Amino acid sequence: MEEIKVAERRLNKRHAFSATAEVTELRTGASLSTRAADLSLQGCYLDSLNPFEVGARIRVRINWDGFDLTCAAIVRDSQPGMGMGVAFTDMDDAREAVLQGWIDQLASRGVADRSGPSISENSKQVVQAETKDKLALKLIELLQKKGLLNASEVAGLLRDKIY
């Protein structure tokens, strides 16, 4: 089978990352708590069962390693049941310094870059586990929408992580 190559649109490398994040959609004020992942100098990925739509302007606060990064961003990719890719939009020198410090720290710890072929076996296993979790959450949401699971059953599955 012929492999299809897709052009990489990112200007900066992504780094495996996991941090708590608070996100607020600026137009409606809707907010959610989530996990930030795949960090780059331009943006990150935010895990969410109910991501905001592409083009939504948001305020994101990421907390990692004792530091907060709060900035505006725009949703560039949205996948219901999985999350959203966001691009940071109001990065000043201070915010860029925090972000660069995090990336330098990730690089010095040997955390693999997820944009290239040099992903370590452990990183592959983490990515596979995260993908399975996202798919399981999407399946649970779909079963609820179809009326096969009620809210109590969904809450029990999510609480006990039986998926």
N, C-alpha and C. Protein backbone atom coordinates (compact mmCIF):
# COMPACT_ATOMS: atom_id res chain seq x y z
N MET A 1 0.84 -1.18 0.00
CA MET A 1 0.00 0.00 0.00
C MET A 1 0.89 1.25 0.00
N GLU A 2 0.55 2.21 -0.80
CA GLU A 2 1.34 3.43 -0.92
C GLU A 2 1.08 4.35 0.26
N GLU A 3 2.15 4.86 0.85
CA GLU A 3 2.04 5.76 2.00
C GLU A 3 1.77 7.17 1.51
N ILE A 4 0.77 7.80 2.11
CA ILE A 4 0.44 9.18 1.76
C ILE A 4 1.16 10.09 2.73
N LYS A 5 1.91 11.05 2.21
CA LYS A 5 2.64 11.99 3.06
C LYS A 5 1.85 13.28 3.18
N VAL A 6 1.70 13.73 4.41
CA VAL A 6 0.99 14.97 4.69
C VAL A 6 2.01 16.02 5.11
N ALA A 7 1.94 17.18 4.52
CA ALA A 7 2.89 18.25 4.85
C ALA A 7 2.68 18.71 6.29
N GLU A 8 3.75 18.83 7.02
CA GLU A 8 3.72 19.33 8.40
C GLU A 8 3.46 20.82 8.37
N ARG A 9 2.37 21.27 9.03
CA ARG A 9 2.02 22.68 9.03
C ARG A 9 2.63 23.42 10.21
N ARG A 10 3.10 22.70 11.19
CA ARG A 10 3.63 23.34 12.39
C ARG A 10 4.99 23.96 12.12
N LEU A 11 5.21 25.14 12.69
CA LEU A 11 6.49 25.81 12.56
C LEU A 11 7.45 25.38 13.66
N ASN A 12 6.91 24.93 14.79
CA ASN A 12 7.72 24.52 15.93
C ASN A 12 7.43 23.07 16.29
N LYS A 13 8.44 22.40 16.83
CA LYS A 13 8.28 21.01 17.25
C LYS A 13 7.35 20.92 18.45
N ARG A 14 6.60 19.82 18.50
CA ARG A 14 5.75 19.54 19.64
C ARG A 14 6.52 18.68 20.64
N HIS A 15 6.22 18.87 21.89
CA HIS A 15 6.88 18.11 22.95
C HIS A 15 5.82 17.43 23.80
N ALA A 16 6.03 16.14 24.13
CA ALA A 16 5.13 15.41 25.00
C ALA A 16 5.04 16.17 26.32
N PHE A 17 3.84 16.38 26.80
CA PHE A 17 3.61 17.30 27.92
C PHE A 17 2.30 16.92 28.57
N SER A 18 2.19 17.10 29.85
CA SER A 18 0.92 16.88 30.55
C SER A 18 0.83 17.85 31.71
N ALA A 19 -0.16 18.73 31.64
CA ALA A 19 -0.33 19.75 32.68
C ALA A 19 -1.81 20.08 32.83
N THR A 20 -2.18 20.58 33.99
CA THR A 20 -3.56 21.00 34.18
C THR A 20 -3.80 22.32 33.45
N ALA A 21 -5.03 22.49 32.98
CA ALA A 21 -5.36 23.72 32.26
C ALA A 21 -6.81 24.11 32.54
N GLU A 22 -7.03 25.40 32.59
CA GLU A 22 -8.37 25.98 32.69
C GLU A 22 -8.59 26.77 31.42
N VAL A 23 -9.73 26.56 30.77
CA VAL A 23 -10.00 27.21 29.49
C VAL A 23 -11.35 27.92 29.57
N THR A 24 -11.39 29.16 29.07
CA THR A 24 -12.64 29.92 29.02
C THR A 24 -12.87 30.43 27.61
N GLU A 25 -14.04 30.14 27.06
CA GLU A 25 -14.42 30.64 25.75
C GLU A 25 -14.84 32.09 25.94
N LEU A 26 -14.20 33.02 25.25
CA LEU A 26 -14.39 34.44 25.52
C LEU A 26 -15.78 34.96 25.14
N ARG A 27 -16.38 34.46 24.08
CA ARG A 27 -17.69 34.96 23.63
C ARG A 27 -18.80 34.59 24.61
N THR A 28 -18.79 33.34 25.10
CA THR A 28 -19.89 32.87 25.94
C THR A 28 -19.56 32.83 27.43
N GLY A 29 -18.27 32.81 27.75
CA GLY A 29 -17.86 32.68 29.14
C GLY A 29 -17.83 31.24 29.62
N ALA A 30 -18.16 30.28 28.73
CA ALA A 30 -18.13 28.86 29.11
C ALA A 30 -16.69 28.48 29.46
N SER A 31 -16.56 27.69 30.54
CA SER A 31 -15.21 27.30 30.95
C SER A 31 -15.16 25.81 31.25
N LEU A 32 -13.94 25.28 31.19
CA LEU A 32 -13.75 23.87 31.49
C LEU A 32 -12.34 23.65 32.02
N SER A 33 -12.21 22.58 32.78
CA SER A 33 -10.90 22.14 33.27
C SER A 33 -10.48 21.01 32.36
N THR A 34 -9.21 21.01 31.99
CA THR A 34 -8.73 20.02 31.04
C THR A 34 -7.26 19.71 31.28
N ARG A 35 -6.67 18.97 30.35
CA ARG A 35 -5.26 18.64 30.39
C ARG A 35 -4.62 19.16 29.12
N ALA A 36 -3.52 19.86 29.27
CA ALA A 36 -2.76 20.35 28.12
C ALA A 36 -1.73 19.30 27.74
N ALA A 37 -1.54 19.14 26.43
CA ALA A 37 -0.58 18.15 25.92
C ALA A 37 0.06 18.68 24.65
N ASP A 38 1.07 17.99 24.17
CA ASP A 38 1.73 18.34 22.91
C ASP A 38 2.05 19.82 22.83
N LEU A 39 2.93 20.26 23.69
CA LEU A 39 3.29 21.68 23.81
C LEU A 39 4.29 22.10 22.75
N SER A 40 4.08 23.28 22.17
CA SER A 40 5.06 23.90 21.28
C SER A 40 5.10 25.39 21.58
N LEU A 41 6.00 26.11 20.93
CA LEU A 41 6.07 27.56 21.12
C LEU A 41 4.84 28.26 20.56
N GLN A 42 4.10 27.59 19.68
CA GLN A 42 2.93 28.20 19.06
C GLN A 42 1.61 27.84 19.74
N GLY A 43 1.54 26.71 20.43
CA GLY A 43 0.27 26.29 21.01
C GLY A 43 0.39 24.96 21.69
N CYS A 44 -0.77 24.31 21.86
CA CYS A 44 -0.81 23.00 22.52
C CYS A 44 -2.10 22.30 22.14
N TYR A 45 -2.24 21.08 22.63
CA TYR A 45 -3.47 20.33 22.46
C TYR A 45 -4.14 20.27 23.83
N LEU A 46 -5.46 20.47 23.86
CA LEU A 46 -6.22 20.43 25.09
C LEU A 46 -7.22 19.28 25.01
N ASP A 47 -7.09 18.31 25.91
CA ASP A 47 -8.02 17.18 25.94
C ASP A 47 -9.38 17.66 26.44
N SER A 48 -10.44 17.25 25.75
CA SER A 48 -11.78 17.65 26.18
C SER A 48 -12.82 16.80 25.46
N LEU A 49 -13.80 16.29 26.19
CA LEU A 49 -14.90 15.57 25.55
C LEU A 49 -15.75 16.51 24.71
N ASN A 50 -15.86 17.76 25.16
CA ASN A 50 -16.69 18.74 24.47
C ASN A 50 -15.85 19.97 24.13
N PRO A 51 -14.99 19.86 23.14
CA PRO A 51 -14.12 20.99 22.80
C PRO A 51 -14.91 22.14 22.18
N PHE A 52 -14.33 23.32 22.22
CA PHE A 52 -14.94 24.47 21.56
C PHE A 52 -14.76 24.33 20.06
N GLU A 53 -15.56 25.07 19.29
CA GLU A 53 -15.51 24.96 17.84
C GLU A 53 -14.28 25.66 17.25
N VAL A 54 -13.90 25.25 16.06
CA VAL A 54 -12.78 25.87 15.35
C VAL A 54 -13.07 27.36 15.20
N GLY A 55 -12.08 28.18 15.49
CA GLY A 55 -12.22 29.63 15.40
C GLY A 55 -12.59 30.29 16.71
N ALA A 56 -13.00 29.50 17.71
CA ALA A 56 -13.37 30.07 19.00
C ALA A 56 -12.15 30.74 19.64
N ARG A 57 -12.36 31.91 20.20
CA ARG A 57 -11.30 32.62 20.91
C ARG A 57 -11.43 32.27 22.38
N ILE A 58 -10.30 31.86 22.97
CA ILE A 58 -10.31 31.37 24.34
C ILE A 58 -9.21 32.04 25.16
N ARG A 59 -9.36 31.93 26.47
CA ARG A 59 -8.32 32.29 27.42
C ARG A 59 -7.93 30.97 28.07
N VAL A 60 -6.64 30.65 28.06
CA VAL A 60 -6.16 29.40 28.62
C VAL A 60 -5.15 29.69 29.72
N ARG A 61 -5.27 28.94 30.82
CA ARG A 61 -4.30 29.03 31.91
C ARG A 61 -3.76 27.63 32.14
N ILE A 62 -2.46 27.48 31.92
CA ILE A 62 -1.80 26.18 32.08
C ILE A 62 -0.90 26.26 33.30
N ASN A 63 -0.98 25.27 34.16
CA ASN A 63 -0.12 25.22 35.34
C ASN A 63 0.76 23.99 35.24
N TRP A 64 2.08 24.23 35.30
CA TRP A 64 3.03 23.12 35.25
C TRP A 64 4.31 23.50 35.98
N ASP A 65 4.80 22.60 36.78
CA ASP A 65 6.07 22.76 37.46
C ASP A 65 6.15 24.05 38.29
N GLY A 66 5.02 24.41 38.90
CA GLY A 66 4.99 25.57 39.77
C GLY A 66 4.81 26.91 39.07
N PHE A 67 4.63 26.91 37.77
CA PHE A 67 4.44 28.15 37.02
C PHE A 67 3.12 28.12 36.27
N ASP A 68 2.53 29.30 36.09
CA ASP A 68 1.31 29.45 35.30
C ASP A 68 1.64 30.18 34.02
N LEU A 69 0.98 29.78 32.95
CA LEU A 69 1.01 30.50 31.69
C LEU A 69 -0.43 30.82 31.37
N THR A 70 -0.77 32.11 31.32
CA THR A 70 -2.12 32.53 30.97
C THR A 70 -2.02 33.38 29.72
N CYS A 71 -2.80 33.00 28.70
CA CYS A 71 -2.76 33.75 27.45
C CYS A 71 -4.03 33.51 26.65
N ALA A 72 -4.23 34.35 25.65
CA ALA A 72 -5.33 34.15 24.72
C ALA A 72 -4.88 33.13 23.68
N ALA A 73 -5.86 32.48 23.08
CA ALA A 73 -5.56 31.49 22.04
C ALA A 73 -6.78 31.38 21.13
N ILE A 74 -6.59 30.73 20.01
CA ILE A 74 -7.68 30.46 19.08
C ILE A 74 -7.69 28.97 18.78
N VAL A 75 -8.89 28.39 18.72
CA VAL A 75 -9.02 26.96 18.43
C VAL A 75 -8.78 26.75 16.94
N ARG A 76 -7.79 25.92 16.61
CA ARG A 76 -7.43 25.65 15.21
C ARG A 76 -7.95 24.29 14.74
N ASP A 77 -8.17 23.37 15.69
CA ASP A 77 -8.66 22.03 15.36
C ASP A 77 -9.55 21.58 16.51
N SER A 78 -10.68 20.98 16.18
CA SER A 78 -11.61 20.53 17.21
C SER A 78 -12.12 19.15 16.86
N GLN A 79 -11.96 18.21 17.79
CA GLN A 79 -12.41 16.84 17.59
C GLN A 79 -13.30 16.44 18.74
N PRO A 80 -14.64 16.48 18.55
CA PRO A 80 -15.56 16.12 19.64
C PRO A 80 -15.20 14.77 20.25
N GLY A 81 -15.23 14.74 21.56
CA GLY A 81 -14.89 13.52 22.28
C GLY A 81 -13.41 13.34 22.51
N MET A 82 -12.59 14.21 21.93
CA MET A 82 -11.15 14.06 22.07
C MET A 82 -10.46 15.33 22.56
N GLY A 83 -10.67 16.44 21.86
CA GLY A 83 -10.01 17.66 22.30
C GLY A 83 -9.87 18.68 21.19
N MET A 84 -8.97 19.64 21.44
CA MET A 84 -8.79 20.73 20.48
C MET A 84 -7.35 21.18 20.46
N GLY A 85 -6.89 21.50 19.26
CA GLY A 85 -5.58 22.10 19.10
C GLY A 85 -5.74 23.61 19.11
N VAL A 86 -4.92 24.30 19.88
CA VAL A 86 -5.04 25.74 19.99
C VAL A 86 -3.72 26.43 19.67
N ALA A 87 -3.83 27.63 19.11
CA ALA A 87 -2.66 28.45 18.82
C ALA A 87 -2.68 29.65 19.76
N PHE A 88 -1.56 29.88 20.44
CA PHE A 88 -1.46 31.03 21.34
C PHE A 88 -1.43 32.32 20.51
N THR A 89 -2.10 33.37 21.01
CA THR A 89 -2.20 34.59 20.20
C THR A 89 -1.64 35.85 20.84
N ASP A 90 -1.45 35.89 22.12
CA ASP A 90 -0.97 37.14 22.74
C ASP A 90 0.30 36.92 23.56
N MET A 91 1.26 36.31 22.94
CA MET A 91 2.49 35.97 23.65
C MET A 91 3.44 37.17 23.70
N ASP A 92 3.69 37.65 24.92
CA ASP A 92 4.69 38.70 25.10
C ASP A 92 5.99 38.04 25.57
N ASP A 93 7.00 38.83 25.85
CA ASP A 93 8.31 38.28 26.23
C ASP A 93 8.23 37.43 27.49
N ALA A 94 7.45 37.86 28.48
CA ALA A 94 7.35 37.12 29.74
C ALA A 94 6.69 35.75 29.52
N ARG A 95 5.61 35.72 28.75
CA ARG A 95 4.93 34.45 28.47
C ARG A 95 5.83 33.53 27.65
N GLU A 96 6.49 34.10 26.66
CA GLU A 96 7.40 33.30 25.85
C GLU A 96 8.53 32.73 26.68
N ALA A 97 8.99 33.47 27.68
CA ALA A 97 10.06 32.99 28.54
C ALA A 97 9.59 31.78 29.37
N VAL A 98 8.38 31.85 29.89
CA VAL A 98 7.83 30.71 30.65
C VAL A 98 7.72 29.50 29.74
N LEU A 99 7.15 29.71 28.56
CA LEU A 99 6.96 28.62 27.60
C LEU A 99 8.30 28.03 27.17
N GLN A 100 9.27 28.87 26.85
CA GLN A 100 10.59 28.39 26.45
C GLN A 100 11.26 27.63 27.59
N GLY A 101 11.07 28.11 28.82
CA GLY A 101 11.62 27.41 29.98
C GLY A 101 11.03 26.01 30.12
N TRP A 102 9.72 25.89 29.92
CA TRP A 102 9.09 24.57 29.98
C TRP A 102 9.65 23.65 28.90
N ILE A 103 9.75 24.17 27.68
CA ILE A 103 10.24 23.35 26.58
C ILE A 103 11.69 22.94 26.81
N ASP A 104 12.51 23.86 27.30
CA ASP A 104 13.90 23.52 27.62
C ASP A 104 13.96 22.43 28.69
N GLN A 105 13.09 22.54 29.68
CA GLN A 105 13.07 21.55 30.76
C GLN A 105 12.62 20.19 30.22
N LEU A 106 11.62 20.18 29.36
CA LEU A 106 11.17 18.92 28.76
C LEU A 106 12.29 18.29 27.94
N ALA A 107 12.99 19.11 27.16
CA ALA A 107 14.08 18.61 26.33
C ALA A 107 15.22 18.06 27.20
N SER A 108 15.52 18.72 28.31
CA SER A 108 16.62 18.27 29.17
C SER A 108 16.27 16.99 29.91
N ARG A 109 14.97 16.73 30.11
CA ARG A 109 14.54 15.49 30.76
C ARG A 109 14.50 14.33 29.77
N GLY A 110 14.72 14.64 28.49
CA GLY A 110 14.72 13.58 27.50
C GLY A 110 13.34 13.18 27.04
N VAL A 111 12.35 14.04 27.26
CA VAL A 111 11.00 13.74 26.79
C VAL A 111 11.02 13.83 25.27
N ALA A 112 10.53 12.80 24.61
CA ALA A 112 10.63 12.71 23.15
C ALA A 112 9.78 13.76 22.45
N ASP A 113 10.28 14.25 21.35
CA ASP A 113 9.57 15.13 20.45
C ASP A 113 8.58 14.27 19.68
N ARG A 114 7.29 14.64 19.69
CA ARG A 114 6.28 13.81 19.05
C ARG A 114 6.02 14.19 17.60
N SER A 115 6.82 15.07 17.02
CA SER A 115 6.58 15.45 15.64
C SER A 115 7.46 14.68 14.66
N GLY A 116 8.38 13.89 15.13
CA GLY A 116 9.29 13.19 14.24
C GLY A 116 9.32 11.70 14.50
N PRO A 117 10.14 10.98 13.77
CA PRO A 117 10.18 9.53 13.87
C PRO A 117 10.98 9.00 15.05
N SER A 118 11.61 9.86 15.84
CA SER A 118 12.50 9.39 16.90
C SER A 118 11.79 9.22 18.24
N ILE A 119 10.55 8.77 18.22
CA ILE A 119 9.79 8.57 19.45
C ILE A 119 10.27 7.30 20.14
N SER A 120 10.56 7.42 21.43
CA SER A 120 11.03 6.25 22.17
C SER A 120 9.89 5.26 22.36
N GLU A 121 10.23 4.03 22.70
CA GLU A 121 9.21 3.00 22.89
C GLU A 121 8.26 3.37 24.02
N ASN A 122 8.78 3.95 25.12
CA ASN A 122 7.90 4.38 26.21
C ASN A 122 6.93 5.45 25.74
N SER A 123 7.41 6.40 24.96
CA SER A 123 6.53 7.44 24.44
C SER A 123 5.45 6.86 23.56
N LYS A 124 5.82 5.87 22.74
CA LYS A 124 4.82 5.22 21.89
C LYS A 124 3.74 4.56 22.74
N GLN A 125 4.16 3.91 23.82
CA GLN A 125 3.19 3.26 24.70
C GLN A 125 2.28 4.28 25.36
N VAL A 126 2.83 5.42 25.77
CA VAL A 126 2.02 6.48 26.38
C VAL A 126 1.02 7.01 25.37
N VAL A 127 1.47 7.27 24.14
CA VAL A 127 0.59 7.77 23.09
C VAL A 127 -0.51 6.76 22.81
N GLN A 128 -0.16 5.47 22.73
CA GLN A 128 -1.16 4.44 22.47
C GLN A 128 -2.17 4.38 23.60
N ALA A 129 -1.73 4.48 24.85
CA ALA A 129 -2.64 4.45 25.99
C ALA A 129 -3.56 5.66 25.98
N GLU A 130 -3.00 6.85 25.67
CA GLU A 130 -3.83 8.05 25.60
C GLU A 130 -4.85 7.95 24.48
N THR A 131 -4.46 7.38 23.35
CA THR A 131 -5.37 7.21 22.22
C THR A 131 -6.49 6.26 22.59
N LYS A 132 -6.15 5.16 23.26
CA LYS A 132 -7.17 4.21 23.70
C LYS A 132 -8.14 4.87 24.67
N ASP A 133 -7.63 5.67 25.61
CA ASP A 133 -8.49 6.37 26.56
C ASP A 133 -9.44 7.31 25.83
N LYS A 134 -8.92 8.06 24.87
CA LYS A 134 -9.75 9.00 24.12
C LYS A 134 -10.83 8.27 23.33
N LEU A 135 -10.46 7.15 22.72
CA LEU A 135 -11.45 6.38 21.98
C LEU A 135 -12.51 5.79 22.91
N ALA A 136 -12.08 5.32 24.07
CA ALA A 136 -13.03 4.79 25.04
C ALA A 136 -14.00 5.87 25.51
N LEU A 137 -13.48 7.06 25.78
CA LEU A 137 -14.35 8.16 26.20
C LEU A 137 -15.32 8.53 25.09
N LYS A 138 -14.86 8.52 23.86
CA LYS A 138 -15.73 8.82 22.73
C LYS A 138 -16.84 7.77 22.61
N LEU A 139 -16.48 6.51 22.81
CA LEU A 139 -17.46 5.42 22.76
C LEU A 139 -18.49 5.57 23.87
N ILE A 140 -18.06 5.89 25.08
CA ILE A 140 -18.98 6.09 26.19
C ILE A 140 -19.95 7.21 25.87
N GLU A 141 -19.43 8.32 25.33
CA GLU A 141 -20.28 9.46 24.96
C GLU A 141 -21.30 9.05 23.89
N LEU A 142 -20.88 8.29 22.90
CA LEU A 142 -21.76 7.84 21.83
C LEU A 142 -22.85 6.92 22.37
N LEU A 143 -22.47 6.00 23.26
CA LEU A 143 -23.46 5.10 23.86
C LEU A 143 -24.50 5.87 24.67
N GLN A 144 -24.06 6.94 25.34
CA GLN A 144 -25.00 7.76 26.09
C GLN A 144 -25.94 8.50 25.13
N LYS A 145 -25.39 9.06 24.05
CA LYS A 145 -26.22 9.78 23.08
C LYS A 145 -27.27 8.86 22.45
N LYS A 146 -26.93 7.59 22.26
CA LYS A 146 -27.86 6.64 21.66
C LYS A 146 -28.83 6.07 22.69
N GLY A 147 -28.70 6.49 23.93
CA GLY A 147 -29.61 6.04 24.97
C GLY A 147 -29.28 4.68 25.54
N LEU A 148 -28.11 4.15 25.25
CA LEU A 148 -27.73 2.84 25.76
C LEU A 148 -27.08 2.91 27.14
N LEU A 149 -26.63 4.10 27.54
CA LEU A 149 -26.10 4.34 28.88
C LEU A 149 -26.79 5.58 29.43
N ASN A 150 -27.18 5.51 30.71
CA ASN A 150 -27.75 6.72 31.32
C ASN A 150 -26.64 7.51 32.02
N ALA A 151 -26.96 8.69 32.49
CA ALA A 151 -25.97 9.58 33.09
C ALA A 151 -25.29 8.94 34.30
N SER A 152 -26.04 8.20 35.08
CA SER A 152 -25.47 7.53 36.26
C SER A 152 -24.44 6.47 35.85
N GLU A 153 -24.76 5.71 34.80
CA GLU A 153 -23.83 4.69 34.33
C GLU A 153 -22.56 5.33 33.76
N VAL A 154 -22.73 6.43 33.03
CA VAL A 154 -21.58 7.13 32.48
C VAL A 154 -20.69 7.65 33.61
N ALA A 155 -21.32 8.27 34.61
CA ALA A 155 -20.56 8.80 35.74
C ALA A 155 -19.80 7.67 36.45
N GLY A 156 -20.43 6.53 36.61
CA GLY A 156 -19.78 5.40 37.25
C GLY A 156 -18.59 4.90 36.45
N LEU A 157 -18.73 4.81 35.14
CA LEU A 157 -17.63 4.37 34.28
C LEU A 157 -16.47 5.34 34.35
N LEU A 158 -16.77 6.63 34.29
CA LEU A 158 -15.71 7.63 34.32
C LEU A 158 -15.03 7.71 35.69
N ARG A 159 -15.85 7.58 36.73
CA ARG A 159 -15.29 7.64 38.10
C ARG A 159 -14.38 6.45 38.36
N ASP A 160 -14.81 5.27 37.95
CA ASP A 160 -14.04 4.06 38.22
C ASP A 160 -13.05 3.73 37.11
N LYS A 161 -13.03 4.54 36.05
CA LYS A 161 -12.16 4.31 34.88
C LYS A 161 -12.28 2.88 34.37
N ILE A 162 -13.53 2.44 34.24
CA ILE A 162 -13.77 1.10 33.69
C ILE A 162 -14.06 1.29 32.21
N TYR A 163 -13.03 1.55 31.46
CA TYR A 163 -13.16 1.70 30.01
C TYR A 163 -11.90 1.34 29.32
